[in-house]
């Protein structure tokens, strides 16, 4: 049982770290870099990012993080000490759920709206500017929220590893 707990907790920590890093990378580099781009380049780049991010590797981290965190929590239910990792696993799961809620309630609809002009190369300048105006500020704000929440979840899981390591030592 200890091996399953360890593997689940490590896997939850790794997948959460990957997603936190993705949101952090967008917050620190991608969106500030695109902020300097003209409307056509911005919309075209974000449309392609939205297409290319939908792949198995992304799905593994994005969905796997919550699944593995819940699994780690379930494996710690039996016999977890009051000062053990279980409350921190719960906190990590709650923080990660916040990233999912904000993603599906805000970021995905904004991404879908960004696709409205179709191919950025054939859209008019005013259409591109309007789409970008509706998208950029709100998307960046909510991505920052996701980055903070996912990083908080990662911190909770790292602390779980510390507590679990102490308990099994």
C-alpha atoms as a PDB file:
ATOM      1  CA  UNK A   1       0.000   0.000   0.000  1.00  0.00           C
ATOM      2  CA  UNK A   2       2.849   2.393   0.784  1.00  0.00           C
ATOM      3  CA  UNK A   3       4.234   1.975  -2.730  1.00  0.00           C
ATOM      4  CA  UNK A   4       0.864   2.927  -4.265  1.00  0.00           C
ATOM      5  CA  UNK A   5       0.576   5.945  -1.956  1.00  0.00           C
ATOM      6  CA  UNK A   6       4.064   7.064  -2.901  1.00  0.00           C
ATOM      7  CA  UNK A   7       3.560   6.622  -6.645  1.00  0.00           C
ATOM      8  CA  UNK A   8       0.181   8.378  -6.603  1.00  0.00           C
ATOM      9  CA  UNK A   9       1.492  11.300  -4.562  1.00  0.00           C
ATOM     10  CA  UNK A  10       4.608  11.724  -6.700  1.00  0.00           C
ATOM     11  CA  UNK A  11       2.571  11.458  -9.929  1.00  0.00           C
ATOM     12  CA  UNK A  12       0.026  14.006  -8.638  1.00  0.00           C
ATOM     13  CA  UNK A  13       2.863  16.364  -7.732  1.00  0.00           C
ATOM     14  CA  UNK A  14       4.546  15.990 -11.126  1.00  0.00           C
ATOM     15  CA  UNK A  15       1.395  16.502 -13.195  1.00  0.00           C
ATOM     16  CA  UNK A  16       0.340  19.475 -11.086  1.00  0.00           C
ATOM     17  CA  UNK A  17       3.822  20.931 -11.472  1.00  0.00           C
ATOM     18  CA  UNK A  18       3.636  20.578 -15.238  1.00  0.00           C
ATOM     19  CA  UNK A  19       0.314  22.410 -15.425  1.00  0.00           C
ATOM     20  CA  UNK A  20       1.408  25.097 -12.944  1.00  0.00           C
ATOM     21  CA  UNK A  21       4.507  25.578 -15.108  1.00  0.00           C
ATOM     22  CA  UNK A  22       2.403  25.891 -18.240  1.00  0.00           C
ATOM     23  CA  UNK A  23       0.236  28.622 -16.717  1.00  0.00           C
ATOM     24  CA  UNK A  24       3.356  30.302 -15.290  1.00  0.00           C
ATOM     25  CA  UNK A  25       5.053  30.215 -18.701  1.00  0.00           C
ATOM     26  CA  UNK A  26       2.053  31.885 -20.301  1.00  0.00           C
ATOM     27  CA  UNK A  27       1.940  34.494 -17.515  1.00  0.00           C
ATOM     28  CA  UNK A  28       5.662  35.288 -17.609  1.00  0.00           C
ATOM     29  CA  UNK A  29       6.615  34.910 -21.248  1.00  0.00           C
ATOM     30  CA  UNK A  30       3.976  34.008 -23.823  1.00  0.00           C
ATOM     31  CA  UNK A  31       1.370  36.664 -23.114  1.00  0.00           C
ATOM     32  CA  UNK A  32       3.859  39.479 -22.357  1.00  0.00           C
ATOM     33  CA  UNK A  33       5.599  38.600 -25.621  1.00  0.00           C
ATOM     34  CA  UNK A  34       2.368  38.574 -27.584  1.00  0.00           C
ATOM     35  CA  UNK A  35       1.287  41.851 -25.969  1.00  0.00           C
ATOM     36  CA  UNK A  36       3.812  43.553 -28.257  1.00  0.00           C
ATOM     37  CA  UNK A  37       2.476  41.854 -31.391  1.00  0.00           C
ATOM     38  CA  UNK A  38       0.030  43.470 -33.798  1.00  0.00           C
ATOM     39  CA  UNK A  39      -3.591  42.278 -33.671  1.00  0.00           C
ATOM     40  CA  UNK A  40      -3.280  39.912 -36.639  1.00  0.00           C
ATOM     41  CA  UNK A  41      -0.192  38.200 -35.210  1.00  0.00           C
ATOM     42  CA  UNK A  42      -1.714  38.020 -31.725  1.00  0.00           C
ATOM     43  CA  UNK A  43      -4.982  36.458 -32.899  1.00  0.00           C
ATOM     44  CA  UNK A  44      -3.264  34.072 -35.305  1.00  0.00           C
ATOM     45  CA  UNK A  45      -0.761  32.919 -32.661  1.00  0.00           C
ATOM     46  CA  UNK A  46      -3.429  32.374 -30.007  1.00  0.00           C
ATOM     47  CA  UNK A  47      -5.682  30.519 -32.441  1.00  0.00           C
ATOM     48  CA  UNK A  48      -2.831  28.133 -33.260  1.00  0.00           C
ATOM     49  CA  UNK A  49      -1.891  27.724 -29.602  1.00  0.00           C
ATOM     50  CA  UNK A  50      -5.522  26.866 -28.828  1.00  0.00           C
ATOM     51  CA  UNK A  51      -5.484  24.196 -31.545  1.00  0.00           C
ATOM     52  CA  UNK A  52      -2.085  22.689 -30.757  1.00  0.00           C
ATOM     53  CA  UNK A  53      -2.527  22.522 -26.976  1.00  0.00           C
ATOM     54  CA  UNK A  54      -5.320  19.980 -27.384  1.00  0.00           C
ATOM     55  CA  UNK A  55      -3.153  16.878 -27.402  1.00  0.00           C
ATOM     56  CA  UNK A  56      -2.560  13.790 -25.293  1.00  0.00           C
ATOM     57  CA  UNK A  57       0.422  15.172 -23.405  1.00  0.00           C
ATOM     58  CA  UNK A  58      -1.548  18.206 -22.299  1.00  0.00           C
ATOM     59  CA  UNK A  59      -4.560  16.045 -21.395  1.00  0.00           C
ATOM     60  CA  UNK A  60      -2.348  13.780 -19.288  1.00  0.00           C
ATOM     61  CA  UNK A  61      -1.279  16.676 -17.083  1.00  0.00           C
ATOM     62  CA  UNK A  62      -4.470  18.717 -17.194  1.00  0.00           C
ATOM     63  CA  UNK A  63      -6.855  15.893 -16.296  1.00  0.00           C
ATOM     64  CA  UNK A  64      -4.318  13.626 -14.654  1.00  0.00           C
ATOM     65  CA  UNK A  65      -3.469  16.137 -11.973  1.00  0.00           C
ATOM     66  CA  UNK A  66      -6.895  16.041 -10.353  1.00  0.00           C
ATOM     67  CA  UNK A  67      -7.374  12.302 -10.882  1.00  0.00           C
ATOM     68  CA  UNK A  68      -3.999  11.496  -9.331  1.00  0.00           C
ATOM     69  CA  UNK A  69      -4.506  13.944  -6.459  1.00  0.00           C
ATOM     70  CA  UNK A  70      -7.882  12.385  -5.626  1.00  0.00           C
ATOM     71  CA  UNK A  71      -6.327   8.910  -5.909  1.00  0.00           C
ATOM     72  CA  UNK A  72      -3.527   9.944  -3.539  1.00  0.00           C
ATOM     73  CA  UNK A  73      -6.131  11.257  -1.116  1.00  0.00           C
ATOM     74  CA  UNK A  74      -8.159   8.049  -1.292  1.00  0.00           C
ATOM     75  CA  UNK A  75      -5.048   5.976  -0.630  1.00  0.00           C
ATOM     76  CA  UNK A  76      -4.264   8.107   2.424  1.00  0.00           C
ATOM     77  CA  UNK A  77      -7.768   7.862   3.921  1.00  0.00           C
ATOM     78  CA  UNK A  78      -7.043   4.704   5.845  1.00  0.00           C
ATOM     79  CA  UNK A  79      -4.682   5.264   8.721  1.00  0.00           C
ATOM     80  CA  UNK A  80      -3.611   8.810   7.962  1.00  0.00           C
ATOM     81  CA  UNK A  81      -2.383  10.604  11.073  1.00  0.00           C
ATOM     82  CA  UNK A  82      -4.066  13.915  11.986  1.00  0.00           C
ATOM     83  CA  UNK A  83      -0.823  15.718  11.128  1.00  0.00           C
ATOM     84  CA  UNK A  84      -0.331  13.645   7.951  1.00  0.00           C
ATOM     85  CA  UNK A  85      -0.660  14.671   4.330  1.00  0.00           C
ATOM     86  CA  UNK A  86      -4.411  14.090   3.855  1.00  0.00           C
ATOM     87  CA  UNK A  87      -5.570  17.664   4.674  1.00  0.00           C
ATOM     88  CA  UNK A  88      -2.905  19.040   2.337  1.00  0.00           C
ATOM     89  CA  UNK A  89      -3.969  16.652  -0.408  1.00  0.00           C
ATOM     90  CA  UNK A  90      -7.515  17.961   0.051  1.00  0.00           C
ATOM     91  CA  UNK A  91      -6.282  21.540  -0.170  1.00  0.00           C
ATOM     92  CA  UNK A  92      -4.327  20.717  -3.336  1.00  0.00           C
ATOM     93  CA  UNK A  93      -7.391  19.130  -4.911  1.00  0.00           C
ATOM     94  CA  UNK A  94      -9.548  22.141  -4.005  1.00  0.00           C
ATOM     95  CA  UNK A  95      -7.028  24.583  -5.475  1.00  0.00           C
ATOM     96  CA  UNK A  96      -6.721  22.535  -8.631  1.00  0.00           C
ATOM     97  CA  UNK A  97     -10.503  22.390  -8.985  1.00  0.00           C
ATOM     98  CA  UNK A  98     -10.415  26.205  -8.963  1.00  0.00           C
ATOM     99  CA  UNK A  99      -8.081  26.107 -11.971  1.00  0.00           C
ATOM    100  CA  UNK A 100     -10.485  23.789 -13.781  1.00  0.00           C
ATOM    101  CA  UNK A 101     -13.521  25.911 -12.971  1.00  0.00           C
ATOM    102  CA  UNK A 102     -11.829  29.094 -14.158  1.00  0.00           C
ATOM    103  CA  UNK A 103     -10.535  27.328 -17.279  1.00  0.00           C
ATOM    104  CA  UNK A 104     -13.955  26.038 -18.321  1.00  0.00           C
ATOM    105  CA  UNK A 105     -15.925  29.089 -17.161  1.00  0.00           C
ATOM    106  CA  UNK A 106     -13.629  31.826 -18.503  1.00  0.00           C
ATOM    107  CA  UNK A 107     -10.566  30.810 -20.523  1.00  0.00           C
ATOM    108  CA  UNK A 108     -12.161  28.214 -22.822  1.00  0.00           C
ATOM    109  CA  UNK A 109     -15.108  30.466 -23.774  1.00  0.00           C
ATOM    110  CA  UNK A 110     -12.631  33.271 -24.462  1.00  0.00           C
ATOM    111  CA  UNK A 111     -10.556  30.892 -26.586  1.00  0.00           C
ATOM    112  CA  UNK A 112     -13.677  29.899 -28.507  1.00  0.00           C
ATOM    113  CA  UNK A 113     -14.526  33.578 -29.056  1.00  0.00           C
ATOM    114  CA  UNK A 114     -11.016  34.190 -30.325  1.00  0.00           C
ATOM    115  CA  UNK A 115     -11.745  31.783 -33.137  1.00  0.00           C
ATOM    116  CA  UNK A 116     -14.667  33.959 -34.268  1.00  0.00           C
ATOM    117  CA  UNK A 117     -12.850  35.822 -37.049  1.00  0.00           C
ATOM    118  CA  UNK A 118     -11.729  32.501 -38.534  1.00  0.00           C
ATOM    119  CA  UNK A 119      -8.391  32.653 -40.259  1.00  0.00           C
ATOM    120  CA  UNK A 120      -6.640  35.740 -38.922  1.00  0.00           C
ATOM    121  CA  UNK A 121      -5.052  36.255 -42.339  1.00  0.00           C
ATOM    122  CA  UNK A 122      -8.421  36.946 -43.982  1.00  0.00           C
ATOM    123  CA  UNK A 123     -10.079  38.951 -41.192  1.00  0.00           C
ATOM    124  CA  UNK A 124     -10.236  42.711 -41.358  1.00  0.00           C
ATOM    125  CA  UNK A 125      -8.158  44.876 -39.036  1.00  0.00           C
ATOM    126  CA  UNK A 126     -11.173  46.174 -37.114  1.00  0.00           C
ATOM    127  CA  UNK A 127     -12.506  42.629 -36.565  1.00  0.00           C
ATOM    128  CA  UNK A 128      -9.126  41.483 -35.249  1.00  0.00           C
ATOM    129  CA  UNK A 129      -8.823  44.478 -32.924  1.00  0.00           C
ATOM    130  CA  UNK A 130     -12.317  43.884 -31.540  1.00  0.00           C
ATOM    131  CA  UNK A 131     -11.690  40.176 -30.949  1.00  0.00           C
ATOM    132  CA  UNK A 132      -8.387  40.903 -29.250  1.00  0.00           C
ATOM    133  CA  UNK A 133      -9.968  43.612 -27.086  1.00  0.00           C
ATOM    134  CA  UNK A 134     -12.622  41.184 -25.804  1.00  0.00           C
ATOM    135  CA  UNK A 135     -10.005  38.483 -25.206  1.00  0.00           C
ATOM    136  CA  UNK A 136      -6.618  39.642 -24.013  1.00  0.00           C
ATOM    137  CA  UNK A 137      -7.026  41.462 -20.695  1.00  0.00           C
ATOM    138  CA  UNK A 138      -9.593  39.063 -19.266  1.00  0.00           C
ATOM    139  CA  UNK A 139      -7.747  35.935 -20.454  1.00  0.00           C
ATOM    140  CA  UNK A 140      -4.441  37.155 -19.013  1.00  0.00           C
ATOM    141  CA  UNK A 141      -6.077  38.002 -15.664  1.00  0.00           C
ATOM    142  CA  UNK A 142      -7.715  34.590 -15.360  1.00  0.00           C
ATOM    143  CA  UNK A 143      -4.580  32.780 -16.505  1.00  0.00           C
ATOM    144  CA  UNK A 144      -2.719  34.497 -13.683  1.00  0.00           C
ATOM    145  CA  UNK A 145      -5.413  33.238 -11.308  1.00  0.00           C
ATOM    146  CA  UNK A 146      -4.888  29.711 -12.682  1.00  0.00           C
ATOM    147  CA  UNK A 147      -1.121  30.043 -12.287  1.00  0.00           C
ATOM    148  CA  UNK A 148      -1.450  31.092  -8.651  1.00  0.00           C
ATOM    149  CA  UNK A 149      -4.022  28.396  -7.822  1.00  0.00           C
ATOM    150  CA  UNK A 150      -2.047  25.636  -9.574  1.00  0.00           C
ATOM    151  CA  UNK A 151       1.169  26.765  -7.890  1.00  0.00           C
ATOM    152  CA  UNK A 152      -0.647  26.682  -4.550  1.00  0.00           C
ATOM    153  CA  UNK A 153      -1.810  23.136  -5.326  1.00  0.00           C
ATOM    154  CA  UNK A 154       1.755  22.196  -6.223  1.00  0.00           C
ATOM    155  CA  UNK A 155       3.046  23.675  -2.959  1.00  0.00           C
ATOM    156  CA  UNK A 156       0.475  21.655  -1.002  1.00  0.00           C
ATOM    157  CA  UNK A 157       1.528  18.457  -2.753  1.00  0.00           C
ATOM    158  CA  UNK A 158       5.217  19.150  -2.177  1.00  0.00           C
ATOM    159  CA  UNK A 159       4.424  19.620   1.510  1.00  0.00           C
ATOM    160  CA  UNK A 160       2.520  16.306   1.401  1.00  0.00           C
ATOM    161  CA  UNK A 161       5.656  14.608   0.143  1.00  0.00           C
ATOM    162  CA  UNK A 162       7.616  16.098   3.043  1.00  0.00           C
ATOM    163  CA  UNK A 163       5.036  14.943   5.602  1.00  0.00           C
ATOM    164  CA  UNK A 164       4.688  11.528   4.007  1.00  0.00           C
ATOM    165  CA  UNK A 165       8.463  11.109   3.897  1.00  0.00           C
ATOM    166  CA  UNK A 166       8.723  11.948   7.600  1.00  0.00           C
ATOM    167  CA  UNK A 167       5.931   9.507   8.464  1.00  0.00           C
ATOM    168  CA  UNK A 168       7.444   6.636   6.506  1.00  0.00           C
ATOM    169  CA  UNK A 169      11.034   7.235   7.619  1.00  0.00           C
END
